[in-house]
Structure formats: C-alpha cells, structure tokens
Amino acid sequence: MNVARCLERLDEAVDATRALGLPVDDATAVSERARTRLGLGGDAYVVALIGGTGVGKSSLLNALAGTEVAAAGAKRPTTDQAVAWVPRQRRGELTSVLEWLGVDRVSEHAGNGMASVAVLDLPDLDSVAREHRARVDQLLPRIDAVAWVVDPEKYKDLVLHDTYLRAWSRRLPHQVVVLNRTDLLPDGSATRVREDLRAELDDAGLREVPVLTTQARRGGSGVEELRRWLTAESDDKTVVAERLAADIREAIGDLARRAAVTDGLAPPLVTAERREAALRDIAGAAIALVDPRGLEAQAVAATRLSARRRGTGPLGVLTSALYRWSGRARASANPATYLRHWRERGSLAPASEPMRALVASALPPLPSTLRPAVAALAEPANIERGLAAAIDRAIDDEARDLRVPASVLWSAIGAGQFVVAALLVFAAIWFASLFVLDHPAVGSVALPLLGPVPSPVLFLAGVLLAGYVLTLLLRLHAGWVARRWARRVVSRIRSGVESRIRGSVFLPLDAIEAARSRLAAAMKDC
C-alpha cells in the first residue's frame, strides 16, 4: 500500500475542491494526521477496545494480559482515562505514538506473540460523563485498528451502530466486534445472540467484520480467539498503512461526493448537445445586438462611397468630398463605428437567458454542497459581463482590420464615365456651334413614332443614356459587393463571439468540470 501516493492524490483532491469553493477542513486534517502518523515510524500498531458502559472492556484487557492492567468493577464508569498495554521491547518506538495519542497510563508486557500490538482501553462511548465520549471521538481517528466490545444487553445499541460502526466502517480495514459477557446468557443463547449480531452487521454493510464471543471474567473463554485475531493482524506489517490509506480514500470520496463525483466518474453537469444549443442561442442573441441589417446598410453606404470615387468619372471626387463634408459618411457609411456602438442597440438580458436556463437545468440532481458554486454561474451580472467582453473582443478584432472592398470593374466604369464626360463636352460644343454658324448643316435621323430627330439631339441622348447605365451598373455592383462583404463580416463576428463565449461565459463552467475531473482522477489511484 503506497500511502505516499495516496497523500499526493489527497492533495490534488483538496486543491480541486478548493477550486470549487467547497470546505476542505476535514480532508486537510486527514492529510496532516496521516503525515504525522507516518513520521512516528515503528512497526507496532495500536488497537483500541471501544464500547459502552459495563460491556467489560477493562476485564477483556485484563484477560488478555493475564493480570490487572485496567481497573474493572461495578462502579460506572470505571475507565475514565485511556490505558495502554504495550510490548516491552517496543516501548521505545511506541513512546512517540502514545504521546501523540495523549496516553500516559502505560503497562508493559513481555510480548507472548503480541510483540507488534499496543492495546488501548478507552473510556465508555456512552458514558454519563460527556468528556469520556469526547475522548473516544478524539482518539478514534488516530487509532490503527478497533475491537468493538458489546454485551448481550447492548449489542444493538443505536449509538454504537449508527454513530460508530456505520460511520467508521470504510475507514477501518482492521476491526472486529467482540460479544463479551456471554456467560450472562442462558445455555444455548450465546449462539442465537451472536447470529442476531451478525445479521445486524450484515444489514449495515459490515459483512467483512468478524464477530467473536468472549467471557472475560469467567475463565476467559474466547479470549484466545481474540488474541489470535490480534496476532494475525500484527503479522501484517501494513496495518498502519492500510488504515491511513483507507482514511485517505474516504476523505477523497467525501470530497468527491460533495462535487457530484461517484465511483471515480464525473459525468458532465450539462450534456454537450445542450451546451452547444445554449451556445448557439447566446451567440444568436448577441449577434442580434450587432444588428446584421444595420451593418449591411452601413457597408453598402461605405462601399458605394468608395465606388463613387472610382467609378463616377470626373465628378466622383467632387461628389465624394461633398458627401464626407456633409457628415453623412460618418453617420451612415462607417461600419467600424457602427459595430463598436452595439451597446446602444439593446440589452444583453436576452442573451444571458439561455445560460441561466442551462444552469437551472443542471441544479436539481446536484448535492447541496455543489449547488451554490454552480448556481453562481447563473448570476446575470456575471453572464452579461462575460458576454460584453466576448462581443467587444470579437468586434475589435474585426473592426481593427476592416477595409472597404474595391473592384477593378469600378475603375473600368470610371474610365467609361470619363469617355461619357468627354462626349458630353463634344455634344456641348456641337450644340454651341449650331448657334454660332450660319445655316449649319445638320442631319437628322428618322425614329419610329418620333419622326426625324436632329443628329446632335440623338447623340446627346445616347451619351446621357450611356452615363446613366454606367452609373446604375456601378450602384448595383457596389451594393452586391457590399452585401457579400457584410455577410462575411457578420459571419466572422459570429464565429469570434462563439469562440470567446466558450472562453469567457463558459469558462467558470469549464473550471468546475475540470476540478470535478481532477477529483475523479484522484479517486482512481489510491
């Protein structure tokens, strides 16, 4: 049994439990106690005789010793202090252990097959003197093995069974129940009482705990069987290690149960499907504040402004400058600023609701110890703070490199507009010449419905129509490019928001899951 490894796992479990905000005082006490016990060294182990008033603990110790070690009599309670019966050859190495236990009444024995056992007779656990039970409760966590002593009158005592046997069953690998004073029973009744006691223990899940019967006062019947149990245990040099390991395992298990970890498994508080659904809902509500339609309008305006400078010919620079000087560009053609002002378009409350619903659904099956830590994840202020940070980071990353798209087609349309402008100048000169020259020769073209139309008028109309078509083409193409651009921007922001929600809004939940997984891992290697 590697107690050092178990202590490492307990330390890991304590750290994980602290991360959950759960108390760890009992576990740290187990760790400190185990390290202290290991530091005391020695091969001998300590077994305590524990039982109620008048069950014959002191008489049993005296029968084991063959002489009076502990006072036994009709006065109750008889034992008011712990008494130790230790092998003489191990007295030196047991001194530090007895000092740690606070036991100063010590009797020695020559060994006689029990050279590795120190036996303690403890005060009564049901004594009228409260300090006696307090002393038992103080010493029991430090004892290596226990012989629970009962008699025919008290073998079903609720205090013994509920407060001690059941509570300490998993922490004491080496324990025995001794049914003493069977000489008080009529002939043939001892077997029936022993079987009844055995059934009580089995029902309590203590099937591995042996039951012995003794008559400590009259002939010491059964005492040799108890001695054999003690010597059999003493042959195993791992009694102390197994006791400490069991205590550590129970401490880890207690921490794990508080964190909803059972049998070394930490099932997720919420399923991956529900988590992804909540993520989509949160991201959708967050994107609604970004306002894809408004962003598209801004993108279209900004793109058309850029297209106007390139594709409207000699008037493009002038009209673009007038557009900017009027302030319309800042108000309706600035996608980056529009993105950064997302807070002005609504509240984050709808976006936080899916997270709150997710947490609420996870609470009912959790132990009461873990619920506060998980319920804290549903605090609106915390959720909205995390959401705001996620949206801000996603928008900042996008707005920092936001560039209005451009197209070669716009330059080609701009070149065409220059040609249109030149032709308009030519048409203007042509019309001016009609007023300057005497009787200019002007041809005409016969058109359906309109009849003959002068060539200059027809030329001017064609040039104007070409300019209008180029302008319309520029507008339509710029709008198409802008809408595609806006959709890409929204898609990138959505992806950024989702990834940052995982890393901010879901971060506390991930931390809880990680701590629970560490607890589960600690249970498997001790």
Protein backbone atom coordinates (compact mmCIF):
# COMPACT_ATOMS: atom_id res chain seq x y z
CA MET A 1 0.00 0.00 0.00
CA ASN A 2 1.62 3.24 -1.18
CA VAL A 3 0.45 5.80 1.36
CA ALA A 4 2.70 8.49 -0.13
CA ARG A 5 0.89 8.19 -3.46
CA CYS A 6 -2.47 8.33 -1.68
CA LEU A 7 -1.39 11.51 0.08
CA GLU A 8 -0.45 13.04 -3.27
CA ARG A 9 -3.90 12.19 -4.60
CA LEU A 10 -5.49 13.69 -1.49
CA ASP A 11 -3.54 16.90 -2.01
CA GLU A 12 -4.77 17.01 -5.61
CA ALA A 13 -8.34 16.39 -4.45
CA VAL A 14 -8.06 19.16 -1.86
CA ASP A 15 -6.77 21.61 -4.49
CA ALA A 16 -9.60 20.65 -6.85
CA THR A 17 -12.19 21.02 -4.09
CA ARG A 18 -10.83 24.42 -3.12
CA ALA A 19 -11.26 25.48 -6.75
CA LEU A 20 -14.95 24.63 -6.36
CA GLY A 21 -15.20 26.79 -3.27
CA LEU A 22 -16.08 23.82 -1.05
CA PRO A 23 -14.75 23.30 2.51
CA VAL A 24 -11.71 21.06 2.86
CA ASP A 25 -11.01 21.26 6.60
CA ASP A 26 -11.79 17.59 7.27
CA ALA A 27 -9.64 16.43 4.35
CA THR A 28 -6.68 18.58 5.36
CA ALA A 29 -7.00 17.21 8.90
CA VAL A 30 -6.79 13.67 7.48
CA SER A 31 -3.71 14.65 5.47
CA GLU A 32 -1.97 16.18 8.47
CA ARG A 33 -2.89 13.21 10.67
CA ALA A 34 -1.59 10.69 8.14
CA ARG A 35 1.70 12.52 7.67
CA THR A 36 2.15 12.75 11.42
CA ARG A 37 1.42 9.04 11.90
CA LEU A 38 3.88 8.09 9.17
CA GLY A 39 6.51 10.28 10.74
CA LEU A 40 6.23 8.47 14.06
CA GLY A 41 7.57 5.27 12.46
CA GLY A 42 7.75 1.84 14.09
CA ASP A 43 6.23 -1.49 13.12
CA ALA A 44 3.82 -1.83 16.04
CA TYR A 45 0.23 -0.82 15.57
CA VAL A 46 -2.37 0.41 18.06
CA VAL A 47 -5.69 -1.35 18.58
CA ALA A 48 -8.37 0.13 20.83
CA LEU A 49 -11.06 -1.60 22.85
CA ILE A 50 -14.13 0.59 22.35
CA GLY A 51 -17.60 0.05 23.72
CA GLY A 52 -20.33 1.20 26.02
CA THR A 53 -20.52 1.30 29.79
CA GLY A 54 -20.25 -2.05 31.54
CA VAL A 55 -19.55 -4.22 28.47
CA GLY A 56 -16.30 -5.47 30.04
CA LYS A 57 -13.57 -3.69 28.06
CA SER A 58 -11.26 -3.47 31.05
CA SER A 59 -11.98 -7.08 32.03
CA LEU A 60 -11.19 -8.13 28.47
CA LEU A 61 -7.84 -6.31 28.55
CA ASN A 62 -7.01 -7.88 31.89
CA ALA A 63 -7.88 -11.32 30.48
CA LEU A 64 -5.56 -10.70 27.54
CA ALA A 65 -2.79 -9.56 29.86
CA GLY A 66 -3.33 -12.30 32.43
CA THR A 67 -3.13 -9.67 35.15
CA GLU A 68 -4.90 -6.48 36.15
CA VAL A 69 -3.90 -3.72 33.74
CA ALA A 70 -7.10 -1.67 33.87
CA ALA A 71 -9.37 -1.32 36.87
CA ALA A 72 -12.59 -3.31 36.49
CA GLY A 73 -15.56 -3.17 38.83
CA ALA A 74 -19.20 -2.41 39.36
CA LYS A 75 -18.65 1.34 39.63
CA ARG A 76 -19.69 3.11 36.41
CA PRO A 77 -17.93 4.48 34.54
CA THR A 78 -14.86 2.53 35.57
CA THR A 79 -12.39 3.72 32.88
CA ASP A 80 -12.05 7.48 32.84
CA GLN A 81 -8.69 7.64 31.03
CA ALA A 82 -7.15 5.65 28.21
CA VAL A 83 -4.90 2.84 29.40
CA ALA A 84 -2.21 1.34 27.13
CA TRP A 85 -0.85 -2.22 27.29
CA VAL A 86 2.29 -2.36 25.16
CA PRO A 87 5.10 -4.86 24.41
CA ARG A 88 8.16 -4.09 26.48
CA GLN A 89 10.57 -4.45 23.56
CA ARG A 90 8.60 -1.87 21.51
CA ARG A 91 8.06 0.61 24.33
CA GLY A 92 10.71 2.95 22.97
CA GLU A 93 9.33 3.21 19.44
CA LEU A 94 5.78 3.44 20.79
CA THR A 95 6.60 6.35 23.09
CA SER A 96 6.12 8.97 20.38
CA VAL A 97 2.88 7.30 19.25
CA LEU A 98 1.48 7.26 22.79
CA GLU A 99 2.48 10.89 23.29
CA TRP A 100 0.68 11.79 20.06
CA LEU A 101 -2.36 9.92 21.34
CA GLY A 102 -2.10 11.64 24.69
CA VAL A 103 -1.95 8.35 26.61
CA ASP A 104 0.27 8.39 29.70
CA ARG A 105 -1.09 5.39 31.64
CA VAL A 106 1.01 2.55 30.24
CA SER A 107 1.56 -1.08 31.26
CA GLU A 108 4.10 -3.33 29.61
CA HIS A 109 4.05 -6.99 28.67
CA ALA A 110 6.69 -9.43 27.51
CA GLY A 111 5.22 -9.97 24.08
CA ASN A 112 3.96 -13.55 24.02
CA GLY A 113 3.14 -13.42 20.30
CA MET A 114 1.80 -9.86 20.53
CA ALA A 115 5.10 -8.04 20.16
CA SER A 116 3.72 -5.72 17.48
CA VAL A 117 0.46 -4.74 19.19
CA ALA A 118 -0.32 -1.96 21.62
CA VAL A 119 -3.79 -2.34 23.12
CA LEU A 120 -5.71 0.66 24.46
CA ASP A 121 -8.66 0.51 26.82
CA LEU A 122 -10.68 3.65 26.10
CA PRO A 123 -13.39 5.37 28.18
CA ASP A 124 -17.01 4.45 27.54
CA LEU A 125 -18.58 5.89 24.41
CA ASP A 126 -21.97 6.18 26.12
CA SER A 127 -20.72 7.41 29.48
CA VAL A 128 -22.73 9.86 31.55
CA ALA A 129 -19.53 11.89 31.64
CA ARG A 130 -19.51 13.74 28.32
CA GLU A 131 -15.76 14.17 28.35
CA HIS A 132 -15.37 10.38 28.14
CA ARG A 133 -17.14 10.15 24.80
CA ALA A 134 -15.29 13.26 23.64
CA ARG A 135 -12.04 11.46 24.44
CA VAL A 136 -13.12 8.45 22.37
CA ASP A 137 -14.03 10.74 19.46
CA GLN A 138 -10.67 12.47 19.76
CA LEU A 139 -8.63 9.25 19.75
CA LEU A 140 -10.58 7.16 17.26
CA PRO A 141 -9.24 8.95 14.12
CA ARG A 142 -5.70 8.18 15.30
CA ILE A 143 -6.22 4.51 16.15
CA ASP A 144 -4.90 1.87 13.71
CA ALA A 145 -7.43 -0.91 14.48
CA VAL A 146 -10.50 -1.33 16.68
CA ALA A 147 -12.12 -4.11 18.68
CA TRP A 148 -15.73 -3.01 19.25
CA VAL A 149 -16.82 -4.58 22.54
CA VAL A 150 -20.52 -5.24 23.16
CA ASP A 151 -22.51 -7.44 25.53
CA PRO A 152 -25.86 -9.22 25.30
CA GLU A 153 -27.62 -6.15 26.67
CA LYS A 154 -26.04 -3.53 24.37
CA TYR A 155 -25.18 -5.32 21.15
CA LYS A 156 -27.99 -3.45 19.34
CA ASP A 157 -27.13 -0.07 20.81
CA LEU A 158 -28.03 2.65 18.28
CA VAL A 159 -25.16 4.91 19.31
CA LEU A 160 -22.66 2.15 18.63
CA HIS A 161 -24.19 1.04 15.33
CA ASP A 162 -25.18 4.38 13.81
CA THR A 163 -22.58 6.79 15.16
CA TYR A 164 -19.58 4.50 15.15
CA LEU A 165 -19.83 1.18 13.31
CA ARG A 166 -21.53 2.52 10.19
CA ALA A 167 -19.67 5.82 10.19
CA TRP A 168 -16.24 4.23 10.56
CA SER A 169 -16.73 1.05 8.55
CA ARG A 170 -14.84 2.25 5.45
CA ARG A 171 -12.08 3.94 7.45
CA LEU A 172 -11.10 0.87 9.49
CA PRO A 173 -9.85 -2.05 7.37
CA HIS A 174 -8.90 -3.91 10.57
CA GLN A 175 -11.74 -4.18 13.06
CA VAL A 176 -13.59 -6.86 14.97
CA VAL A 177 -16.76 -6.97 17.03
CA VAL A 178 -16.41 -8.81 20.35
CA LEU A 179 -19.57 -10.07 22.02
CA ASN A 180 -18.39 -10.19 25.64
CA ARG A 181 -20.08 -11.37 28.83
CA THR A 182 -21.86 -14.24 27.09
CA ASP A 183 -21.75 -16.01 30.47
CA LEU A 184 -24.78 -13.87 31.37
CA LEU A 185 -26.87 -15.73 28.80
CA PRO A 186 -28.74 -18.98 29.39
CA ASP A 187 -27.19 -22.08 27.91
CA GLY A 188 -27.53 -22.15 24.12
CA SER A 189 -28.49 -18.48 23.84
CA ALA A 190 -25.00 -17.21 23.02
CA THR A 191 -25.15 -18.66 19.50
CA ARG A 192 -28.54 -17.07 18.84
CA VAL A 193 -27.37 -13.64 20.06
CA ARG A 194 -24.19 -13.95 18.01
CA GLU A 195 -26.20 -14.77 14.88
CA ASP A 196 -28.51 -11.83 15.56
CA LEU A 197 -25.50 -9.54 15.92
CA ARG A 198 -24.06 -10.97 12.70
CA ALA A 199 -27.32 -10.18 10.89
CA GLU A 200 -27.27 -6.60 12.25
CA LEU A 201 -23.76 -6.09 10.93
CA ASP A 202 -24.59 -7.62 7.56
CA ASP A 203 -27.57 -5.32 7.18
CA ALA A 204 -25.26 -2.39 7.91
CA GLY A 205 -22.89 -3.48 5.14
CA LEU A 206 -20.26 -4.81 7.55
CA ARG A 207 -20.08 -8.35 6.20
CA GLU A 208 -16.29 -8.41 6.35
CA VAL A 209 -16.13 -7.57 10.06
CA PRO A 210 -15.66 -10.75 12.13
CA VAL A 211 -17.66 -11.42 15.30
CA LEU A 212 -16.06 -13.11 18.32
CA THR A 213 -17.67 -14.24 21.58
CA THR A 214 -15.85 -14.00 24.93
CA GLN A 215 -16.33 -14.45 28.65
CA ALA A 216 -13.64 -12.18 30.04
CA ARG A 217 -14.49 -12.71 33.73
CA ARG A 218 -15.29 -16.42 33.95
CA GLY A 219 -12.44 -18.50 32.66
CA GLY A 220 -11.60 -16.16 29.78
CA SER A 221 -13.49 -18.20 27.23
CA GLY A 222 -12.98 -16.82 23.72
CA VAL A 223 -10.09 -14.57 24.77
CA GLU A 224 -7.60 -16.78 22.94
CA GLU A 225 -9.61 -16.33 19.74
CA LEU A 226 -9.32 -12.56 20.19
CA ARG A 227 -5.61 -12.97 20.82
CA ARG A 228 -5.28 -14.95 17.58
CA TRP A 229 -7.06 -12.15 15.72
CA LEU A 230 -4.64 -9.63 17.21
CA THR A 231 -1.56 -11.69 16.39
CA ALA A 232 -2.83 -12.44 12.89
CA GLU A 233 -3.23 -8.72 12.28
CA SER A 234 0.16 -8.00 13.79
CA ASP A 235 1.80 -10.35 11.29
CA ASP A 236 0.69 -7.95 8.57
CA LYS A 237 3.12 -5.02 8.66
CA THR A 238 0.76 -2.99 6.56
CA VAL A 239 -1.91 -2.45 9.25
CA VAL A 240 -0.95 1.20 9.76
CA ALA A 241 -0.54 1.82 6.03
CA GLU A 242 -3.91 0.26 5.22
CA ARG A 243 -5.59 2.26 7.97
CA LEU A 244 -4.11 5.52 6.68
CA ALA A 245 -4.90 4.65 3.06
CA ALA A 246 -8.49 3.85 3.97
CA ASP A 247 -8.81 7.14 5.82
CA ILE A 248 -7.38 8.99 2.84
CA ARG A 249 -9.65 7.19 0.38
CA GLU A 250 -12.68 8.05 2.48
CA ALA A 251 -11.56 11.69 2.67
CA ILE A 252 -11.16 11.82 -1.11
CA GLY A 253 -14.50 10.09 -1.53
CA ASP A 254 -16.17 12.60 0.77
CA LEU A 255 -14.76 15.48 -1.27
CA ALA A 256 -15.84 13.75 -4.46
CA ARG A 257 -19.39 13.17 -3.22
CA ARG A 258 -19.70 16.86 -2.42
CA ALA A 259 -18.75 17.60 -6.03
CA ALA A 260 -21.17 15.04 -7.54
CA VAL A 261 -18.34 12.63 -8.42
CA THR A 262 -19.18 8.96 -7.84
CA ASP A 263 -17.22 5.77 -8.45
CA GLY A 264 -14.36 7.72 -9.98
CA LEU A 265 -16.64 9.24 -12.62
CA ALA A 266 -17.52 12.89 -13.10
CA PRO A 267 -20.45 12.99 -15.54
CA PRO A 268 -20.76 16.46 -17.13
CA LEU A 269 -23.18 18.80 -15.41
CA VAL A 270 -24.71 19.56 -18.82
CA THR A 271 -24.58 17.42 -21.95
CA ALA A 272 -22.57 18.52 -24.95
CA GLU A 273 -25.78 18.81 -27.01
CA ARG A 274 -27.45 21.14 -24.52
CA ARG A 275 -24.30 23.15 -24.16
CA GLU A 276 -23.98 23.65 -27.92
CA ALA A 277 -27.66 24.58 -28.17
CA ALA A 278 -27.21 27.19 -25.43
CA LEU A 279 -24.09 28.49 -27.17
CA ARG A 280 -25.99 28.95 -30.42
CA ASP A 281 -28.84 30.75 -28.64
CA ILE A 282 -26.45 33.04 -26.76
CA ALA A 283 -24.47 33.83 -29.89
CA GLY A 284 -27.68 34.46 -31.84
CA ALA A 285 -28.92 36.95 -29.24
CA ALA A 286 -25.51 38.64 -29.17
CA ILE A 287 -25.42 38.93 -32.96
CA ALA A 288 -28.87 40.50 -32.86
CA LEU A 289 -27.28 43.39 -30.94
CA VAL A 290 -24.58 43.67 -33.58
CA ASP A 291 -27.53 44.17 -35.98
CA PRO A 292 -26.59 42.50 -39.29
CA ARG A 293 -29.21 44.53 -41.23
CA GLY A 294 -27.90 47.82 -39.91
CA LEU A 295 -24.34 46.70 -40.58
CA GLU A 296 -25.30 45.77 -44.14
CA ALA A 297 -26.78 49.24 -44.71
CA GLN A 298 -23.58 50.80 -43.38
CA ALA A 299 -21.47 48.50 -45.53
CA VAL A 300 -23.49 49.32 -48.65
CA ALA A 301 -23.18 53.06 -47.99
CA ALA A 302 -19.44 52.83 -47.35
CA THR A 303 -18.86 50.63 -50.40
CA ARG A 304 -20.87 52.88 -52.67
CA LEU A 305 -18.93 55.87 -51.38
CA SER A 306 -15.71 54.08 -52.29
CA ALA A 307 -17.16 53.08 -55.66
CA ARG A 308 -18.27 56.66 -56.32
CA ARG A 309 -14.71 57.92 -56.02
CA ARG A 310 -13.51 55.34 -58.55
CA GLY A 311 -16.38 54.88 -60.89
CA THR A 312 -18.16 58.21 -61.44
CA GLY A 313 -15.57 59.83 -63.64
CA PRO A 314 -14.52 63.47 -63.25
CA LEU A 315 -17.45 64.26 -60.89
CA GLY A 316 -16.68 61.37 -58.50
CA VAL A 317 -14.03 63.17 -56.46
CA LEU A 318 -16.27 66.21 -56.03
CA THR A 319 -19.41 64.32 -55.04
CA SER A 320 -17.47 62.09 -52.64
CA ALA A 321 -15.89 65.09 -50.95
CA LEU A 322 -19.29 66.75 -50.57
CA TYR A 323 -20.67 63.51 -49.09
CA ARG A 324 -17.91 63.42 -46.48
CA TRP A 325 -18.05 67.14 -45.70
CA SER A 326 -21.78 66.91 -45.08
CA GLY A 327 -21.20 64.33 -42.30
CA ARG A 328 -23.36 61.70 -43.98
CA ALA A 329 -20.32 59.44 -44.40
CA ARG A 330 -19.70 59.40 -40.66
CA ALA A 331 -23.34 58.74 -39.86
CA SER A 332 -24.31 56.18 -42.46
CA ALA A 333 -21.09 54.93 -44.08
CA ASN A 334 -18.90 53.91 -41.12
CA PRO A 335 -19.29 50.17 -40.40
CA ALA A 336 -16.48 50.07 -37.82
CA THR A 337 -18.03 52.76 -35.64
CA TYR A 338 -21.46 51.22 -36.06
CA LEU A 339 -20.10 47.87 -34.80
CA ARG A 340 -18.43 49.43 -31.76
CA HIS A 341 -21.69 51.13 -30.71
CA TRP A 342 -23.54 47.81 -30.34
CA ARG A 343 -24.47 48.61 -26.71
CA GLU A 344 -26.76 51.40 -27.92
CA ARG A 345 -28.99 48.89 -29.68
CA GLY A 346 -30.35 46.91 -26.72
CA SER A 347 -29.75 44.90 -23.55
CA LEU A 348 -27.78 41.71 -23.01
CA ALA A 349 -30.56 40.23 -20.86
CA PRO A 350 -32.00 38.10 -23.71
CA ALA A 351 -28.51 36.81 -24.50
CA SER A 352 -27.91 35.77 -20.87
CA GLU A 353 -31.19 33.86 -20.57
CA PRO A 354 -30.03 30.66 -22.35
CA MET A 355 -27.08 30.39 -19.95
CA ARG A 356 -29.32 30.88 -16.94
CA ALA A 357 -31.72 28.22 -18.22
CA LEU A 358 -28.80 25.83 -18.83
CA VAL A 359 -27.51 26.28 -15.27
CA ALA A 360 -31.01 25.97 -13.79
CA SER A 361 -31.50 22.64 -15.56
CA ALA A 362 -28.25 21.31 -14.08
CA LEU A 363 -29.05 22.14 -10.44
CA PRO A 364 -31.76 19.62 -9.34
CA PRO A 365 -29.63 16.43 -9.27
CA LEU A 366 -26.62 18.09 -7.65
CA PRO A 367 -25.74 17.66 -3.97
CA SER A 368 -26.48 20.69 -1.83
CA THR A 369 -22.75 21.26 -1.33
CA LEU A 370 -22.13 21.88 -5.04
CA ARG A 371 -25.27 23.83 -5.87
CA PRO A 372 -24.07 27.27 -4.71
CA ALA A 373 -20.95 27.09 -6.89
CA VAL A 374 -22.99 26.09 -9.95
CA ALA A 375 -25.85 28.48 -9.20
CA ALA A 376 -23.35 31.36 -9.15
CA LEU A 377 -22.81 30.73 -12.87
CA ALA A 378 -26.36 31.99 -13.49
CA GLU A 379 -25.78 35.43 -11.96
CA PRO A 380 -26.98 37.87 -14.67
CA ALA A 381 -24.26 40.41 -13.94
CA ASN A 382 -21.51 37.79 -14.36
CA ILE A 383 -23.02 36.40 -17.55
CA GLU A 384 -23.57 39.83 -19.10
CA ARG A 385 -20.06 40.92 -18.16
CA GLY A 386 -18.61 37.89 -19.90
CA LEU A 387 -20.85 38.36 -22.93
CA ALA A 388 -19.94 42.04 -23.26
CA ALA A 389 -16.26 41.18 -23.13
CA ALA A 390 -16.72 38.45 -25.75
CA ILE A 391 -18.60 40.77 -28.13
CA ASP A 392 -16.11 43.60 -27.62
CA ARG A 393 -13.12 41.40 -28.38
CA ALA A 394 -14.75 39.90 -31.46
CA ILE A 395 -15.75 43.32 -32.80
CA ASP A 396 -12.38 44.90 -32.00
CA ASP A 397 -10.57 42.12 -33.86
CA GLU A 398 -12.81 42.63 -36.87
CA ALA A 399 -13.03 46.42 -36.81
CA ARG A 400 -9.27 46.82 -36.43
CA ASP A 401 -8.65 45.47 -39.94
CA LEU A 402 -11.96 46.45 -41.51
CA ARG A 403 -11.32 47.60 -45.07
CA VAL A 404 -13.98 48.62 -47.56
CA PRO A 405 -13.75 46.28 -50.57
CA ALA A 406 -12.88 47.53 -54.06
CA SER A 407 -13.33 46.21 -57.59
CA VAL A 408 -11.43 46.60 -60.88
CA LEU A 409 -14.81 46.94 -62.54
CA TRP A 410 -15.32 50.26 -60.79
CA SER A 411 -12.17 51.67 -62.40
CA ALA A 412 -13.34 50.42 -65.80
CA ILE A 413 -16.73 52.10 -65.23
CA GLY A 414 -14.85 55.25 -64.15
CA ALA A 415 -12.91 55.19 -67.41
CA GLY A 416 -16.18 54.84 -69.27
CA GLN A 417 -17.57 57.82 -67.36
CA PHE A 418 -14.57 59.87 -68.47
CA VAL A 419 -15.42 58.94 -72.04
CA VAL A 420 -19.04 59.93 -71.41
CA ALA A 421 -17.87 63.25 -69.96
CA ALA A 422 -15.68 63.87 -73.00
CA LEU A 423 -18.58 63.08 -75.32
CA LEU A 424 -20.81 65.43 -73.33
CA VAL A 425 -18.25 68.17 -73.84
CA PHE A 426 -18.23 67.36 -77.53
CA ALA A 427 -22.03 67.46 -77.61
CA ALA A 428 -21.98 70.82 -75.83
CA ILE A 429 -19.53 72.19 -78.42
CA TRP A 430 -21.68 70.78 -81.19
CA PHE A 431 -24.80 72.49 -79.85
CA ALA A 432 -22.88 75.73 -79.36
CA SER A 433 -21.73 75.61 -82.97
CA LEU A 434 -25.34 75.46 -84.10
CA PHE A 435 -25.87 78.92 -82.65
CA VAL A 436 -22.60 80.37 -83.94
CA LEU A 437 -22.53 79.18 -87.54
CA ASP A 438 -24.94 80.44 -90.21
CA HIS A 439 -27.06 77.76 -91.63
CA PRO A 440 -25.03 74.81 -90.22
CA ALA A 441 -25.58 71.56 -92.00
CA VAL A 442 -27.27 69.30 -89.52
CA GLY A 443 -28.52 65.91 -90.47
CA SER A 444 -31.40 64.07 -88.85
CA VAL A 445 -32.32 60.50 -88.13
CA ALA A 446 -35.81 59.16 -88.60
CA LEU A 447 -37.02 57.37 -85.50
CA PRO A 448 -40.21 55.37 -85.01
CA LEU A 449 -43.01 57.46 -83.52
CA LEU A 450 -40.71 60.47 -83.13
CA GLY A 451 -40.00 61.02 -86.78
CA PRO A 452 -36.86 62.85 -87.89
CA VAL A 453 -34.62 63.75 -84.88
CA PRO A 454 -31.59 66.02 -85.30
CA SER A 455 -28.32 64.17 -85.00
CA PRO A 456 -26.94 66.36 -82.15
CA VAL A 457 -30.01 65.64 -80.04
CA LEU A 458 -29.79 61.95 -80.75
CA PHE A 459 -26.05 61.97 -79.94
CA LEU A 460 -26.63 63.78 -76.64
CA ALA A 461 -29.39 61.39 -75.61
CA GLY A 462 -27.16 58.40 -76.36
CA VAL A 463 -24.33 59.81 -74.30
CA LEU A 464 -26.63 60.56 -71.37
CA LEU A 465 -28.12 57.08 -71.58
CA ALA A 466 -24.66 55.53 -71.54
CA GLY A 467 -23.74 57.58 -68.47
CA TYR A 468 -26.94 56.50 -66.69
CA VAL A 469 -26.33 52.82 -67.49
CA LEU A 470 -22.76 53.05 -66.21
CA THR A 471 -23.97 54.79 -63.01
CA LEU A 472 -26.68 52.17 -62.46
CA LEU A 473 -24.21 49.35 -63.08
CA LEU A 474 -21.81 50.92 -60.57
CA ARG A 475 -24.53 51.23 -57.95
CA LEU A 476 -25.81 47.69 -58.39
CA HIS A 477 -22.37 46.12 -58.39
CA ALA A 478 -21.21 48.14 -55.35
CA GLY A 479 -24.35 47.07 -53.46
CA TRP A 480 -23.78 43.42 -54.36
CA VAL A 481 -20.12 43.59 -53.26
CA ALA A 482 -21.12 45.39 -50.05
CA ARG A 483 -23.74 42.85 -49.07
CA ARG A 484 -21.36 39.96 -49.62
CA TRP A 485 -18.76 41.80 -47.54
CA ALA A 486 -21.27 42.49 -44.75
CA ARG A 487 -22.26 38.82 -44.62
CA ARG A 488 -18.61 37.79 -44.31
CA VAL A 489 -18.05 40.34 -41.54
CA VAL A 490 -21.11 39.12 -39.61
CA SER A 491 -20.02 35.52 -40.08
CA ARG A 492 -16.56 36.27 -38.72
CA ILE A 493 -18.01 38.19 -35.78
CA ARG A 494 -20.40 35.32 -35.05
CA SER A 495 -17.51 32.85 -35.06
CA GLY A 496 -15.46 35.19 -32.88
CA VAL A 497 -18.31 35.68 -30.43
CA GLU A 498 -18.95 31.93 -30.19
CA SER A 499 -15.30 31.12 -29.60
CA ARG A 500 -14.98 33.84 -26.99
CA ILE A 501 -18.21 32.80 -25.27
CA ARG A 502 -16.61 29.38 -24.87
CA GLY A 503 -13.59 31.04 -23.32
CA SER A 504 -15.38 33.58 -21.13
CA VAL A 505 -19.04 32.83 -20.43
CA PHE A 506 -18.42 29.07 -20.27
CA LEU A 507 -15.04 29.43 -18.57
CA PRO A 508 -16.41 29.16 -14.99
CA LEU A 509 -18.40 26.08 -16.00
CA ASP A 510 -15.29 24.59 -17.61
CA ALA A 511 -13.33 25.30 -14.42
CA ILE A 512 -15.93 23.41 -12.35
CA GLU A 513 -15.88 20.49 -14.77
CA ALA A 514 -12.06 20.43 -14.74
CA ALA A 515 -11.98 20.40 -10.92
CA ARG A 516 -14.51 17.55 -10.84
CA SER A 517 -12.43 15.59 -13.36
CA ARG A 518 -9.36 16.04 -11.17
CA LEU A 519 -11.34 14.72 -8.21
CA ALA A 520 -12.39 11.69 -10.26
CA ALA A 521 -8.78 11.04 -11.24
CA ALA A 522 -7.66 11.28 -7.61
CA MET A 523 -10.11 8.53 -6.65
CA LYS A 524 -8.68 6.04 -9.13
CA ASP A 525 -5.09 5.85 -7.97
CA CYS A 526 -5.20 5.19 -4.23
